[in-house]
Amino acid sequence: MRQITDAFTHLHSMSVIHRDIKPSNILLHNSDFKIGDFGFARMIQNIDDMGRFSEVGTPYYMSP
């Protein structure tokens, strides 16, 4: 879990939002967890931009 949260912390520090996080997009390789499938990922310029991009993802895993 620590590797995954560190990866998201790094993504957010680079102004990247993934927008489709789900179990099948967490990959395991040689005991290392990696985040995959950046097809819906976007860079944001400021926090106000996040609302514009939040309507995508896998419906079963989206927050209500």
N, C-alpha and C. Protein backbone atom coordinates (compact mmCIF):
# COMPACT_ATOMS: atom_id res chain seq x y z
N MET A 1 0.83 -1.20 0.00
CA MET A 1 0.00 0.00 0.00
C MET A 1 0.86 1.25 0.00
N ARG A 2 1.99 1.18 0.69
CA ARG A 2 2.88 2.34 0.76
C ARG A 2 3.40 2.72 -0.64
N GLN A 3 3.75 1.73 -1.44
CA GLN A 3 4.24 2.01 -2.79
C GLN A 3 3.17 2.71 -3.63
N ILE A 4 1.94 2.29 -3.49
CA ILE A 4 0.85 2.89 -4.26
C ILE A 4 0.61 4.32 -3.82
N THR A 5 0.56 4.56 -2.51
CA THR A 5 0.34 5.94 -2.05
C THR A 5 1.53 6.83 -2.41
N ASP A 6 2.74 6.32 -2.36
CA ASP A 6 3.90 7.11 -2.79
C ASP A 6 3.81 7.45 -4.27
N ALA A 7 3.33 6.50 -5.07
CA ALA A 7 3.19 6.75 -6.51
C ALA A 7 2.16 7.85 -6.77
N PHE A 8 1.03 7.81 -6.07
CA PHE A 8 0.03 8.86 -6.26
C PHE A 8 0.51 10.21 -5.72
N THR A 9 1.26 10.20 -4.65
CA THR A 9 1.84 11.44 -4.15
C THR A 9 2.75 12.05 -5.20
N HIS A 10 3.55 11.21 -5.84
CA HIS A 10 4.44 11.70 -6.89
C HIS A 10 3.65 12.22 -8.09
N LEU A 11 2.62 11.49 -8.51
CA LEU A 11 1.79 11.96 -9.63
C LEU A 11 1.17 13.32 -9.32
N HIS A 12 0.62 13.46 -8.14
CA HIS A 12 -0.03 14.72 -7.77
C HIS A 12 0.99 15.85 -7.66
N SER A 13 2.21 15.55 -7.25
CA SER A 13 3.25 16.60 -7.19
C SER A 13 3.63 17.06 -8.60
N MET A 14 3.39 16.19 -9.59
CA MET A 14 3.67 16.53 -10.99
C MET A 14 2.42 17.07 -11.69
N SER A 15 1.35 17.34 -10.93
CA SER A 15 0.07 17.86 -11.43
C SER A 15 -0.62 16.89 -12.39
N VAL A 16 -0.51 15.60 -12.12
CA VAL A 16 -1.16 14.58 -12.94
C VAL A 16 -2.25 13.92 -12.11
N ILE A 17 -3.44 13.78 -12.72
CA ILE A 17 -4.52 13.01 -12.08
C ILE A 17 -4.78 11.78 -12.95
N HIS A 18 -4.97 10.64 -12.33
CA HIS A 18 -5.11 9.36 -13.05
C HIS A 18 -6.52 9.18 -13.60
N ARG A 19 -7.52 9.38 -12.82
CA ARG A 19 -8.94 9.36 -13.16
C ARG A 19 -9.53 7.99 -13.45
N ASP A 20 -8.78 6.90 -13.32
CA ASP A 20 -9.36 5.58 -13.54
C ASP A 20 -8.67 4.55 -12.66
N ILE A 21 -8.53 4.86 -11.39
CA ILE A 21 -7.85 3.93 -10.49
C ILE A 21 -8.82 2.81 -10.10
N LYS A 22 -8.36 1.59 -10.24
CA LYS A 22 -9.12 0.40 -9.89
C LYS A 22 -8.12 -0.73 -9.72
N PRO A 23 -8.53 -1.83 -9.12
CA PRO A 23 -7.58 -2.91 -8.85
C PRO A 23 -6.83 -3.41 -10.09
N SER A 24 -7.49 -3.47 -11.24
CA SER A 24 -6.81 -3.98 -12.43
C SER A 24 -5.76 -3.02 -12.98
N ASN A 25 -5.73 -1.78 -12.50
CA ASN A 25 -4.71 -0.82 -12.92
C ASN A 25 -3.55 -0.73 -11.94
N ILE A 26 -3.56 -1.57 -10.92
CA ILE A 26 -2.42 -1.70 -10.01
C ILE A 26 -1.69 -2.98 -10.40
N LEU A 27 -0.47 -2.85 -10.86
CA LEU A 27 0.29 -3.98 -11.38
C LEU A 27 1.38 -4.40 -10.41
N LEU A 28 1.69 -5.67 -10.40
CA LEU A 28 2.75 -6.20 -9.54
C LEU A 28 3.85 -6.76 -10.44
N HIS A 29 5.08 -6.27 -10.24
CA HIS A 29 6.23 -6.71 -11.02
C HIS A 29 7.44 -6.83 -10.10
N ASN A 30 7.94 -8.05 -9.93
CA ASN A 30 9.11 -8.29 -9.06
C ASN A 30 8.95 -7.68 -7.68
N SER A 31 7.83 -7.91 -7.05
CA SER A 31 7.51 -7.42 -5.70
C SER A 31 7.32 -5.90 -5.64
N ASP A 32 7.23 -5.25 -6.77
CA ASP A 32 6.98 -3.80 -6.81
C ASP A 32 5.60 -3.56 -7.41
N PHE A 33 4.84 -2.70 -6.76
CA PHE A 33 3.54 -2.31 -7.29
C PHE A 33 3.71 -1.09 -8.17
N LYS A 34 3.01 -1.09 -9.28
CA LYS A 34 3.08 0.01 -10.23
C LYS A 34 1.67 0.40 -10.65
N ILE A 35 1.50 1.64 -11.03
CA ILE A 35 0.21 2.13 -11.51
C ILE A 35 0.24 2.07 -13.03
N GLY A 36 -0.81 1.51 -13.61
CA GLY A 36 -0.87 1.38 -15.06
C GLY A 36 -2.10 2.06 -15.64
N ASP A 37 -2.22 2.00 -16.95
CA ASP A 37 -3.35 2.52 -17.72
C ASP A 37 -3.57 4.01 -17.48
N PHE A 38 -2.77 4.81 -18.13
CA PHE A 38 -2.89 6.26 -18.01
C PHE A 38 -3.71 6.86 -19.15
N GLY A 39 -4.61 6.07 -19.73
CA GLY A 39 -5.42 6.54 -20.84
C GLY A 39 -6.32 7.71 -20.49
N PHE A 40 -6.82 7.77 -19.27
CA PHE A 40 -7.68 8.88 -18.84
C PHE A 40 -6.90 9.95 -18.06
N ALA A 41 -5.62 9.75 -17.84
CA ALA A 41 -4.82 10.68 -17.04
C ALA A 41 -4.72 12.04 -17.72
N ARG A 42 -4.63 13.08 -16.93
CA ARG A 42 -4.49 14.44 -17.44
C ARG A 42 -3.60 15.25 -16.51
N MET A 43 -2.93 16.21 -17.10
CA MET A 43 -2.20 17.20 -16.30
C MET A 43 -3.15 18.35 -16.03
N ILE A 44 -3.09 18.88 -14.83
CA ILE A 44 -3.95 20.03 -14.50
C ILE A 44 -3.07 21.22 -14.16
N GLN A 45 -3.55 22.39 -14.52
CA GLN A 45 -2.80 23.61 -14.26
C GLN A 45 -3.06 24.15 -12.86
N ASN A 46 -4.31 24.03 -12.40
CA ASN A 46 -4.65 24.46 -11.05
C ASN A 46 -5.81 23.61 -10.54
N ILE A 47 -6.10 23.72 -9.29
CA ILE A 47 -7.12 22.87 -8.65
C ILE A 47 -8.50 23.08 -9.26
N ASP A 48 -8.77 24.25 -9.82
CA ASP A 48 -10.08 24.50 -10.43
C ASP A 48 -10.29 23.66 -11.68
N ASP A 49 -9.22 23.23 -12.33
CA ASP A 49 -9.33 22.41 -13.53
C ASP A 49 -9.81 21.00 -13.23
N MET A 50 -9.67 20.51 -12.01
CA MET A 50 -10.02 19.14 -11.68
C MET A 50 -11.50 18.85 -11.91
N GLY A 51 -12.36 19.78 -11.63
CA GLY A 51 -13.79 19.59 -11.83
C GLY A 51 -14.15 19.35 -13.28
N ARG A 52 -13.43 19.97 -14.18
CA ARG A 52 -13.69 19.79 -15.61
C ARG A 52 -13.40 18.39 -16.08
N PHE A 53 -12.45 17.72 -15.45
CA PHE A 53 -11.97 16.44 -15.94
C PHE A 53 -12.46 15.25 -15.14
N SER A 54 -13.33 15.43 -14.18
CA SER A 54 -13.64 14.35 -13.25
C SER A 54 -14.76 13.42 -13.71
N GLU A 55 -15.34 13.59 -14.86
CA GLU A 55 -16.49 12.79 -15.29
C GLU A 55 -16.11 11.57 -16.12
N VAL A 56 -14.91 11.02 -15.95
CA VAL A 56 -14.50 9.83 -16.69
C VAL A 56 -14.03 8.75 -15.73
N GLY A 57 -13.89 7.55 -16.22
CA GLY A 57 -13.42 6.45 -15.40
C GLY A 57 -14.32 5.25 -15.55
N THR A 58 -14.05 4.23 -14.80
CA THR A 58 -14.86 3.02 -14.81
C THR A 58 -16.01 3.21 -13.83
N PRO A 59 -17.26 3.20 -14.31
CA PRO A 59 -18.40 3.54 -13.45
C PRO A 59 -18.48 2.76 -12.15
N TYR A 60 -18.15 1.48 -12.16
CA TYR A 60 -18.25 0.67 -10.95
C TYR A 60 -17.29 1.16 -9.87
N TYR A 61 -16.19 1.80 -10.24
CA TYR A 61 -15.18 2.25 -9.29
C TYR A 61 -15.22 3.76 -9.03
N MET A 62 -16.13 4.48 -9.66
CA MET A 62 -16.22 5.93 -9.44
C MET A 62 -16.93 6.21 -8.12
N SER A 63 -16.54 7.30 -7.49
CA SER A 63 -17.23 7.68 -6.26
C SER A 63 -18.62 8.19 -6.61
N PRO A 64 -19.57 8.06 -5.68
CA PRO A 64 -20.94 8.50 -5.97
C PRO A 64 -21.05 10.00 -6.10
